[in-house]
Amino acid sequence: MEAHAINRYIGTSPRKMRLVIDLIRGKSVPEALHILHFSPKHASRVAEKVLRSAVANLQNKDEAGRLEPEEIMVKRASVDGGMTMKRISPAPMGRAYRIRKRSNHITIVVAAREAAPAKNAPPKSRPTPKSKKVTQEPAAAKMAPKSKRSPKAAAEMAPQAPAPAKVPKKSTT
């Protein structure tokens, strides 16, 4: 079972928010809340609020009873860019610079952890692969397609017979 929470039009840039959201993706909820609570980034306060909302949504959705936060994990967390407000700042010589005030949308999906599969369960059987015919090809053809190698490079890459060992010359002094 899973639940999600979305917060839209948050007044920080998506790049700054992604730094915070990347810290909690895939973590358990108590660990994620601990990370967000003690993070010095301003965006972590908003992310913590959205995570708590997603956990509350999951607990309200659960009909069997109350889920413990230790049983819940952050399944998916994403940050999307929102609208960008354009503002103008005065610049020298009568010009103007454009200021882009970015916003973002956060989506956090939490899910209850699945129970571990029983150890006594038989392993799943895999279908046996069909046999394939093996054909002999020249070594140069196996290395790369003809379009990527020149004939000279293919000849250099082809296996060669070992060179005869060099015998050191004796000095005649």
N, C-alpha and C. Protein backbone atom coordinates (compact mmCIF):
# COMPACT_ATOMS: atom_id res chain seq x y z
N MET A 1 0.85 -1.17 0.00
CA MET A 1 0.00 0.00 0.00
C MET A 1 0.90 1.24 0.00
N GLU A 2 0.49 2.23 -0.73
CA GLU A 2 1.27 3.46 -0.80
C GLU A 2 0.37 4.68 -0.80
N ALA A 3 0.95 5.81 -0.41
CA ALA A 3 0.24 7.09 -0.41
C ALA A 3 1.24 8.16 -0.81
N HIS A 4 0.72 9.28 -1.29
CA HIS A 4 1.61 10.35 -1.71
C HIS A 4 1.13 11.70 -1.20
N ALA A 5 2.05 12.66 -1.20
CA ALA A 5 1.73 14.04 -0.85
C ALA A 5 2.45 14.94 -1.83
N ILE A 6 1.78 16.01 -2.23
CA ILE A 6 2.33 16.94 -3.21
C ILE A 6 2.26 18.35 -2.64
N ASN A 7 3.32 19.10 -2.77
CA ASN A 7 3.32 20.51 -2.39
C ASN A 7 3.75 21.28 -3.64
N ARG A 8 2.97 22.26 -4.02
CA ARG A 8 3.24 22.99 -5.27
C ARG A 8 3.62 24.44 -4.99
N TYR A 9 4.33 25.00 -5.96
CA TYR A 9 4.71 26.42 -5.97
C TYR A 9 5.52 26.81 -4.73
N ILE A 10 6.52 26.01 -4.41
CA ILE A 10 7.41 26.31 -3.29
C ILE A 10 8.43 27.33 -3.79
N GLY A 11 8.72 28.33 -2.99
CA GLY A 11 9.52 29.45 -3.44
C GLY A 11 11.02 29.27 -3.40
N THR A 12 11.53 28.07 -3.63
CA THR A 12 12.98 27.87 -3.78
C THR A 12 13.23 27.26 -5.15
N SER A 13 14.46 27.33 -5.59
CA SER A 13 14.75 26.79 -6.92
C SER A 13 14.75 25.26 -6.87
N PRO A 14 14.38 24.62 -7.97
CA PRO A 14 14.36 23.15 -7.99
C PRO A 14 15.73 22.54 -7.73
N ARG A 15 16.77 23.21 -8.15
CA ARG A 15 18.12 22.68 -7.96
C ARG A 15 18.47 22.58 -6.47
N LYS A 16 18.09 23.59 -5.69
CA LYS A 16 18.36 23.57 -4.26
C LYS A 16 17.50 22.50 -3.56
N MET A 17 16.26 22.35 -4.01
CA MET A 17 15.38 21.36 -3.39
C MET A 17 15.84 19.94 -3.71
N ARG A 18 16.37 19.71 -4.92
CA ARG A 18 16.83 18.36 -5.28
C ARG A 18 17.99 17.91 -4.41
N LEU A 19 18.82 18.85 -3.97
CA LEU A 19 19.91 18.49 -3.06
C LEU A 19 19.38 17.87 -1.78
N VAL A 20 18.27 18.37 -1.29
CA VAL A 20 17.68 17.86 -0.06
C VAL A 20 16.92 16.55 -0.31
N ILE A 21 16.14 16.50 -1.37
CA ILE A 21 15.31 15.32 -1.66
C ILE A 21 16.18 14.11 -1.97
N ASP A 22 17.34 14.32 -2.59
CA ASP A 22 18.22 13.20 -2.90
C ASP A 22 18.74 12.51 -1.63
N LEU A 23 18.75 13.23 -0.52
CA LEU A 23 19.22 12.64 0.74
C LEU A 23 18.25 11.61 1.31
N ILE A 24 16.95 11.73 1.02
CA ILE A 24 15.97 10.87 1.69
C ILE A 24 15.39 9.79 0.78
N ARG A 25 15.68 9.82 -0.50
CA ARG A 25 15.09 8.86 -1.42
C ARG A 25 15.52 7.44 -1.05
N GLY A 26 14.54 6.53 -0.83
CA GLY A 26 14.82 5.13 -0.52
C GLY A 26 15.05 4.84 0.95
N LYS A 27 15.02 5.83 1.81
CA LYS A 27 15.29 5.64 3.24
C LYS A 27 14.00 5.29 3.99
N SER A 28 14.14 4.79 5.21
CA SER A 28 12.98 4.56 6.06
C SER A 28 12.50 5.92 6.56
N VAL A 29 11.24 6.00 6.97
CA VAL A 29 10.66 7.29 7.35
C VAL A 29 11.35 7.89 8.58
N PRO A 30 11.60 7.12 9.67
CA PRO A 30 12.28 7.76 10.80
C PRO A 30 13.66 8.30 10.44
N GLU A 31 14.38 7.55 9.61
CA GLU A 31 15.71 8.01 9.20
C GLU A 31 15.60 9.26 8.33
N ALA A 32 14.63 9.29 7.41
CA ALA A 32 14.44 10.45 6.54
C ALA A 32 14.04 11.68 7.35
N LEU A 33 13.16 11.51 8.32
CA LEU A 33 12.75 12.65 9.16
C LEU A 33 13.94 13.16 9.97
N HIS A 34 14.77 12.25 10.45
CA HIS A 34 15.95 12.64 11.22
C HIS A 34 16.91 13.45 10.34
N ILE A 35 17.12 13.00 9.10
CA ILE A 35 18.01 13.71 8.17
C ILE A 35 17.47 15.10 7.87
N LEU A 36 16.17 15.19 7.59
CA LEU A 36 15.58 16.48 7.24
C LEU A 36 15.55 17.44 8.44
N HIS A 37 15.27 16.91 9.61
CA HIS A 37 15.15 17.76 10.79
C HIS A 37 16.48 18.44 11.13
N PHE A 38 17.59 17.73 10.93
CA PHE A 38 18.89 18.28 11.31
C PHE A 38 19.69 18.81 10.13
N SER A 39 19.07 18.91 8.97
CA SER A 39 19.75 19.48 7.81
C SER A 39 19.74 21.00 7.91
N PRO A 40 20.85 21.67 7.61
CA PRO A 40 20.87 23.13 7.72
C PRO A 40 20.20 23.85 6.55
N LYS A 41 19.81 23.15 5.53
CA LYS A 41 19.22 23.78 4.35
C LYS A 41 17.78 24.24 4.65
N HIS A 42 17.43 25.38 4.08
CA HIS A 42 16.07 25.91 4.26
C HIS A 42 15.03 25.00 3.60
N ALA A 43 15.40 24.39 2.49
CA ALA A 43 14.46 23.54 1.75
C ALA A 43 14.08 22.29 2.53
N SER A 44 14.90 21.89 3.51
CA SER A 44 14.59 20.68 4.27
C SER A 44 13.36 20.85 5.15
N ARG A 45 13.04 22.07 5.56
CA ARG A 45 11.84 22.30 6.38
C ARG A 45 10.58 21.99 5.58
N VAL A 46 10.55 22.42 4.33
CA VAL A 46 9.39 22.17 3.48
C VAL A 46 9.29 20.69 3.15
N ALA A 47 10.43 20.07 2.86
CA ALA A 47 10.44 18.64 2.53
C ALA A 47 9.97 17.80 3.72
N GLU A 48 10.35 18.21 4.92
CA GLU A 48 9.91 17.49 6.12
C GLU A 48 8.39 17.57 6.28
N LYS A 49 7.84 18.74 6.01
CA LYS A 49 6.39 18.91 6.10
C LYS A 49 5.67 18.02 5.11
N VAL A 50 6.17 17.92 3.88
CA VAL A 50 5.55 17.09 2.85
C VAL A 50 5.68 15.61 3.21
N LEU A 51 6.82 15.20 3.75
CA LEU A 51 7.01 13.81 4.15
C LEU A 51 6.06 13.43 5.29
N ARG A 52 5.90 14.30 6.26
CA ARG A 52 4.96 14.02 7.36
C ARG A 52 3.52 13.91 6.83
N SER A 53 3.17 14.72 5.85
CA SER A 53 1.84 14.66 5.25
C SER A 53 1.64 13.34 4.52
N ALA A 54 2.65 12.86 3.80
CA ALA A 54 2.54 11.60 3.09
C ALA A 54 2.38 10.43 4.06
N VAL A 55 3.10 10.46 5.17
CA VAL A 55 2.98 9.41 6.19
C VAL A 55 1.59 9.42 6.80
N ALA A 56 1.07 10.62 7.09
CA ALA A 56 -0.29 10.72 7.64
C ALA A 56 -1.32 10.20 6.64
N ASN A 57 -1.13 10.48 5.35
CA ASN A 57 -2.05 9.97 4.33
C ASN A 57 -2.04 8.45 4.29
N LEU A 58 -0.86 7.85 4.44
CA LEU A 58 -0.77 6.39 4.42
C LEU A 58 -1.43 5.79 5.66
N GLN A 59 -1.23 6.42 6.80
CA GLN A 59 -1.83 5.89 8.03
C GLN A 59 -3.35 6.01 7.99
N ASN A 60 -3.89 7.06 7.39
CA ASN A 60 -5.34 7.19 7.25
C ASN A 60 -5.90 6.21 6.24
N LYS A 61 -5.10 5.87 5.25
CA LYS A 61 -5.54 4.95 4.20
C LYS A 61 -5.57 3.51 4.68
N ASP A 62 -4.73 3.19 5.67
CA ASP A 62 -4.62 1.82 6.16
C ASP A 62 -5.88 1.44 6.93
N GLU A 63 -6.54 0.37 6.48
CA GLU A 63 -7.78 -0.07 7.13
C GLU A 63 -7.52 -1.09 8.22
N ALA A 64 -6.41 -1.83 8.13
CA ALA A 64 -6.14 -2.90 9.09
C ALA A 64 -5.75 -2.35 10.46
N GLY A 65 -5.25 -1.19 10.53
CA GLY A 65 -4.83 -0.60 11.79
C GLY A 65 -3.74 0.41 11.55
N ARG A 66 -3.19 0.88 12.62
CA ARG A 66 -2.16 1.92 12.52
C ARG A 66 -0.82 1.32 12.12
N LEU A 67 -0.21 1.91 11.11
CA LEU A 67 1.12 1.50 10.70
C LEU A 67 2.15 2.24 11.54
N GLU A 68 3.19 1.55 11.93
CA GLU A 68 4.28 2.20 12.65
C GLU A 68 5.19 2.88 11.63
N PRO A 69 5.75 4.02 11.98
CA PRO A 69 6.64 4.71 11.03
C PRO A 69 7.85 3.87 10.62
N GLU A 70 8.30 2.95 11.48
CA GLU A 70 9.44 2.11 11.14
C GLU A 70 9.12 1.16 9.98
N GLU A 71 7.83 0.89 9.76
CA GLU A 71 7.42 -0.02 8.69
C GLU A 71 7.23 0.69 7.35
N ILE A 72 7.41 2.01 7.33
CA ILE A 72 7.15 2.81 6.13
C ILE A 72 8.48 3.30 5.57
N MET A 73 8.59 3.32 4.25
CA MET A 73 9.79 3.84 3.61
C MET A 73 9.43 4.82 2.49
N VAL A 74 10.37 5.67 2.14
CA VAL A 74 10.17 6.63 1.05
C VAL A 74 10.40 5.87 -0.25
N LYS A 75 9.32 5.62 -0.97
CA LYS A 75 9.41 4.84 -2.20
C LYS A 75 9.91 5.70 -3.36
N ARG A 76 9.37 6.90 -3.48
CA ARG A 76 9.74 7.78 -4.58
C ARG A 76 9.64 9.22 -4.10
N ALA A 77 10.60 10.02 -4.47
CA ALA A 77 10.58 11.45 -4.14
C ALA A 77 11.10 12.20 -5.36
N SER A 78 10.32 13.17 -5.83
CA SER A 78 10.75 13.91 -7.02
C SER A 78 10.48 15.39 -6.85
N VAL A 79 11.28 16.16 -7.58
CA VAL A 79 11.14 17.61 -7.58
C VAL A 79 10.99 18.04 -9.03
N ASP A 80 9.94 18.76 -9.33
CA ASP A 80 9.70 19.28 -10.68
C ASP A 80 9.73 20.80 -10.63
N GLY A 81 10.15 21.39 -11.70
CA GLY A 81 10.18 22.84 -11.76
C GLY A 81 8.79 23.42 -11.85
N GLY A 82 8.55 24.52 -11.15
CA GLY A 82 7.27 25.19 -11.20
C GLY A 82 7.37 26.41 -12.11
N MET A 83 6.49 27.35 -11.87
CA MET A 83 6.52 28.56 -12.69
C MET A 83 7.72 29.43 -12.30
N THR A 84 8.15 30.25 -13.24
CA THR A 84 9.25 31.17 -13.00
C THR A 84 8.72 32.58 -13.14
N MET A 85 8.85 33.37 -12.07
CA MET A 85 8.42 34.76 -12.12
C MET A 85 9.59 35.61 -12.64
N LYS A 86 9.32 36.45 -13.61
CA LYS A 86 10.36 37.30 -14.16
C LYS A 86 10.27 38.68 -13.54
N ARG A 87 11.38 39.13 -13.01
CA ARG A 87 11.47 40.46 -12.43
C ARG A 87 12.61 41.20 -13.11
N ILE A 88 12.63 42.53 -12.97
CA ILE A 88 13.65 43.34 -13.63
C ILE A 88 14.42 44.11 -12.57
N SER A 89 15.75 44.07 -12.74
CA SER A 89 16.64 44.82 -11.85
C SER A 89 17.32 45.92 -12.66
N PRO A 90 17.38 47.14 -12.15
CA PRO A 90 18.03 48.21 -12.90
C PRO A 90 19.52 47.92 -13.08
N ALA A 91 20.04 48.28 -14.23
CA ALA A 91 21.44 48.06 -14.56
C ALA A 91 22.06 49.36 -15.04
N PRO A 92 23.37 49.44 -15.13
CA PRO A 92 24.02 50.70 -15.57
C PRO A 92 23.63 51.11 -16.98
N MET A 93 23.74 52.36 -17.25
CA MET A 93 23.51 52.96 -18.57
C MET A 93 22.11 52.71 -19.10
N GLY A 94 21.12 52.73 -18.24
CA GLY A 94 19.73 52.63 -18.66
C GLY A 94 19.28 51.23 -19.03
N ARG A 95 20.10 50.23 -18.81
CA ARG A 95 19.70 48.86 -19.14
C ARG A 95 18.99 48.22 -17.96
N ALA A 96 18.51 46.99 -18.19
CA ALA A 96 17.84 46.25 -17.12
C ALA A 96 18.25 44.78 -17.21
N TYR A 97 18.47 44.17 -16.05
CA TYR A 97 18.78 42.75 -15.99
C TYR A 97 17.52 42.01 -15.57
N ARG A 98 17.32 40.83 -16.13
CA ARG A 98 16.16 40.02 -15.78
C ARG A 98 16.52 39.09 -14.61
N ILE A 99 15.68 39.07 -13.61
CA ILE A 99 15.85 38.16 -12.48
C ILE A 99 14.77 37.10 -12.60
N ARG A 100 15.17 35.83 -12.54
CA ARG A 100 14.22 34.73 -12.61
C ARG A 100 14.03 34.15 -11.21
N LYS A 101 12.84 34.29 -10.66
CA LYS A 101 12.52 33.72 -9.35
C LYS A 101 11.83 32.41 -9.59
N ARG A 102 12.56 31.32 -9.37
CA ARG A 102 12.07 29.99 -9.69
C ARG A 102 11.25 29.42 -8.55
N SER A 103 10.37 28.46 -8.90
CA SER A 103 9.60 27.73 -7.89
C SER A 103 9.64 26.26 -8.28
N ASN A 104 9.16 25.40 -7.37
CA ASN A 104 9.19 23.97 -7.66
C ASN A 104 7.99 23.27 -7.04
N HIS A 105 7.78 22.03 -7.46
CA HIS A 105 6.74 21.16 -6.93
C HIS A 105 7.42 19.90 -6.38
N ILE A 106 7.04 19.48 -5.18
CA ILE A 106 7.59 18.25 -4.59
C ILE A 106 6.50 17.19 -4.57
N THR A 107 6.87 15.96 -4.94
CA THR A 107 5.99 14.80 -4.81
C THR A 107 6.75 13.74 -4.03
N ILE A 108 6.18 13.29 -2.91
CA ILE A 108 6.79 12.23 -2.11
C ILE A 108 5.79 11.09 -2.01
N VAL A 109 6.24 9.88 -2.36
CA VAL A 109 5.41 8.68 -2.28
C VAL A 109 6.02 7.78 -1.22
N VAL A 110 5.21 7.40 -0.23
CA VAL A 110 5.67 6.47 0.81
C VAL A 110 4.88 5.18 0.68
N ALA A 111 5.51 4.07 1.11
CA ALA A 111 4.86 2.77 1.01
C ALA A 111 5.24 1.94 2.22
N ALA A 112 4.33 1.04 2.60
CA ALA A 112 4.62 0.11 3.68
C ALA A 112 5.60 -0.93 3.16
N ARG A 113 6.54 -1.33 4.01
CA ARG A 113 7.51 -2.34 3.58
C ARG A 113 6.82 -3.67 3.41
N GLU A 114 7.26 -4.39 2.38
CA GLU A 114 6.71 -5.72 2.13
C GLU A 114 7.31 -6.70 3.14
N ALA A 115 6.51 -7.68 3.53
CA ALA A 115 7.01 -8.71 4.43
C ALA A 115 8.04 -9.54 3.67
N ALA A 116 9.07 -9.98 4.39
CA ALA A 116 10.12 -10.77 3.75
C ALA A 116 9.53 -12.11 3.31
N PRO A 117 9.92 -12.65 2.15
CA PRO A 117 9.38 -13.94 1.71
C PRO A 117 9.83 -15.07 2.64
N ALA A 118 8.99 -16.07 2.77
CA ALA A 118 9.29 -17.19 3.66
C ALA A 118 10.51 -17.95 3.14
N LYS A 119 11.35 -18.43 4.08
CA LYS A 119 12.56 -19.14 3.69
C LYS A 119 12.26 -20.54 3.18
N ASN A 120 11.14 -21.11 3.58
CA ASN A 120 10.80 -22.47 3.18
C ASN A 120 10.18 -22.52 1.79
N ALA A 121 9.89 -21.38 1.21
CA ALA A 121 9.25 -21.36 -0.10
C ALA A 121 10.23 -21.88 -1.15
N PRO A 122 9.77 -22.70 -2.09
CA PRO A 122 10.68 -23.20 -3.12
C PRO A 122 11.10 -22.06 -4.05
N PRO A 123 12.34 -22.11 -4.56
CA PRO A 123 12.78 -21.04 -5.46
C PRO A 123 12.02 -21.11 -6.78
N LYS A 124 11.88 -19.95 -7.38
CA LYS A 124 11.17 -19.89 -8.66
C LYS A 124 12.03 -20.56 -9.73
N SER A 125 11.38 -21.37 -10.56
CA SER A 125 12.13 -22.05 -11.61
C SER A 125 12.19 -21.16 -12.84
N ARG A 126 13.35 -21.18 -13.51
CA ARG A 126 13.52 -20.39 -14.71
C ARG A 126 13.39 -21.30 -15.92
N PRO A 127 12.82 -20.81 -16.99
CA PRO A 127 12.75 -21.62 -18.20
C PRO A 127 14.16 -21.81 -18.76
N THR A 128 14.40 -23.00 -19.30
CA THR A 128 15.72 -23.28 -19.86
C THR A 128 15.87 -22.56 -21.19
N PRO A 129 17.04 -21.96 -21.44
CA PRO A 129 17.23 -21.25 -22.71
C PRO A 129 17.36 -22.23 -23.87
N LYS A 130 16.90 -21.81 -25.03
CA LYS A 130 17.00 -22.65 -26.22
C LYS A 130 18.44 -22.62 -26.71
N SER A 131 18.89 -23.76 -27.26
CA SER A 131 20.26 -23.83 -27.73
C SER A 131 20.39 -23.02 -29.02
N LYS A 132 21.56 -22.42 -29.17
CA LYS A 132 21.83 -21.60 -30.35
C LYS A 132 22.95 -22.25 -31.15
N LYS A 133 22.91 -22.08 -32.46
CA LYS A 133 23.97 -22.60 -33.31
C LYS A 133 25.16 -21.66 -33.20
N VAL A 134 26.33 -22.25 -33.04
CA VAL A 134 27.54 -21.47 -32.94
C VAL A 134 28.25 -21.54 -34.28
N THR A 135 28.58 -20.39 -34.83
CA THR A 135 29.27 -20.35 -36.10
C THR A 135 30.64 -19.74 -35.89
N GLN A 136 31.59 -20.19 -36.67
CA GLN A 136 32.95 -19.67 -36.58
C GLN A 136 33.06 -18.44 -37.47
N GLU A 137 33.55 -17.34 -36.91
CA GLU A 137 33.76 -16.13 -37.67
C GLU A 137 35.22 -15.73 -37.53
N PRO A 138 35.75 -15.03 -38.50
CA PRO A 138 37.13 -14.55 -38.35
C PRO A 138 37.23 -13.63 -37.14
N ALA A 139 38.40 -13.63 -36.52
CA ALA A 139 38.61 -12.85 -35.30
C ALA A 139 38.41 -11.36 -35.54
N ALA A 140 38.82 -10.85 -36.70
CA ALA A 140 38.68 -9.41 -36.97
C ALA A 140 37.22 -9.03 -37.09
N ALA A 141 36.37 -9.93 -37.57
CA ALA A 141 34.95 -9.62 -37.72
C ALA A 141 34.27 -9.56 -36.36
N LYS A 142 34.76 -10.31 -35.37
CA LYS A 142 34.14 -10.32 -34.04
C LYS A 142 34.41 -9.04 -33.28
N MET A 143 35.56 -8.41 -33.55
CA MET A 143 35.97 -7.30 -32.72
C MET A 143 35.11 -6.05 -32.89
N ALA A 144 34.78 -5.68 -34.08
CA ALA A 144 33.98 -4.48 -34.29
C ALA A 144 33.38 -4.53 -35.68
N PRO A 145 32.29 -3.80 -35.87
CA PRO A 145 31.70 -3.73 -37.20
C PRO A 145 32.69 -3.10 -38.18
N LYS A 146 32.53 -3.45 -39.45
CA LYS A 146 33.43 -2.95 -40.48
C LYS A 146 33.36 -1.44 -40.61
N SER A 147 32.21 -0.88 -40.32
CA SER A 147 32.04 0.56 -40.51
C SER A 147 32.87 1.36 -39.51
N LYS A 148 33.21 0.76 -38.37
CA LYS A 148 33.91 1.52 -37.35
C LYS A 148 35.42 1.36 -37.43
N ARG A 149 35.93 0.31 -38.08
CA ARG A 149 37.36 0.09 -38.15
C ARG A 149 37.82 0.10 -39.61
N SER A 150 38.98 0.68 -39.81
CA SER A 150 39.55 0.65 -41.16
C SER A 150 40.20 -0.71 -41.37
N PRO A 151 40.43 -1.14 -42.61
CA PRO A 151 41.06 -2.44 -42.85
C PRO A 151 42.45 -2.53 -42.22
N LYS A 152 43.16 -1.42 -42.19
CA LYS A 152 44.49 -1.42 -41.59
C LYS A 152 44.40 -1.68 -40.09
N ALA A 153 43.44 -1.02 -39.42
CA ALA A 153 43.27 -1.21 -37.97
C ALA A 153 42.79 -2.62 -37.67
N ALA A 154 41.94 -3.18 -38.53
CA ALA A 154 41.46 -4.54 -38.32
C ALA A 154 42.60 -5.53 -38.44
N ALA A 155 43.52 -5.29 -39.39
CA ALA A 155 44.66 -6.18 -39.56
C ALA A 155 45.59 -6.11 -38.36
N GLU A 156 45.73 -4.91 -37.79
CA GLU A 156 46.58 -4.77 -36.61
C GLU A 156 45.98 -5.46 -35.40
N MET A 157 44.65 -5.47 -35.30
CA MET A 157 43.97 -6.06 -34.15
C MET A 157 43.83 -7.57 -34.27
N ALA A 158 44.03 -8.13 -35.47
CA ALA A 158 43.87 -9.56 -35.67
C ALA A 158 44.96 -10.31 -34.92
N PRO A 159 44.65 -11.53 -34.41
CA PRO A 159 45.67 -12.27 -33.68
C PRO A 159 46.80 -12.67 -34.61
N GLN A 160 48.02 -12.55 -34.12
CA GLN A 160 49.19 -12.86 -34.92
C GLN A 160 49.98 -13.97 -34.23
N ALA A 161 50.81 -14.66 -35.02
CA ALA A 161 51.68 -15.69 -34.46
C ALA A 161 52.73 -15.00 -33.59
N PRO A 162 53.14 -15.67 -32.52
CA PRO A 162 54.14 -15.02 -31.65
C PRO A 162 55.46 -14.85 -32.39
N ALA A 163 56.12 -13.75 -32.15
CA ALA A 163 57.40 -13.44 -32.79
C ALA A 163 58.47 -14.34 -32.18
N PRO A 164 59.46 -14.74 -32.97
CA PRO A 164 60.52 -15.58 -32.41
C PRO A 164 61.29 -14.81 -31.35
N ALA A 165 61.75 -15.54 -30.33
CA ALA A 165 62.47 -14.91 -29.24
C ALA A 165 63.82 -14.41 -29.74
N LYS A 166 64.21 -13.24 -29.31
CA LYS A 166 65.48 -12.66 -29.71
C LYS A 166 66.58 -13.21 -28.81
N VAL A 167 67.68 -13.61 -29.42
CA VAL A 167 68.82 -14.13 -28.68
C VAL A 167 69.82 -13.01 -28.55
N PRO A 168 70.23 -12.71 -27.34
CA PRO A 168 71.20 -11.61 -27.19
C PRO A 168 72.54 -11.98 -27.85
N LYS A 169 73.15 -11.00 -28.48
CA LYS A 169 74.44 -11.21 -29.15
C LYS A 169 75.55 -11.22 -28.10
N LYS A 170 76.46 -12.10 -28.34
CA LYS A 170 77.61 -12.16 -27.44
C LYS A 170 78.63 -11.16 -27.89
N SER A 171 79.26 -10.52 -26.96
CA SER A 171 80.28 -9.56 -27.31
C SER A 171 81.60 -10.30 -27.63
N THR A 172 82.34 -9.80 -28.54
CA THR A 172 83.57 -10.46 -28.99
C THR A 172 84.82 -9.81 -28.41
N THR A 173 84.75 -9.28 -27.28
CA THR A 173 85.93 -8.64 -26.70
C THR A 173 86.74 -9.55 -25.85
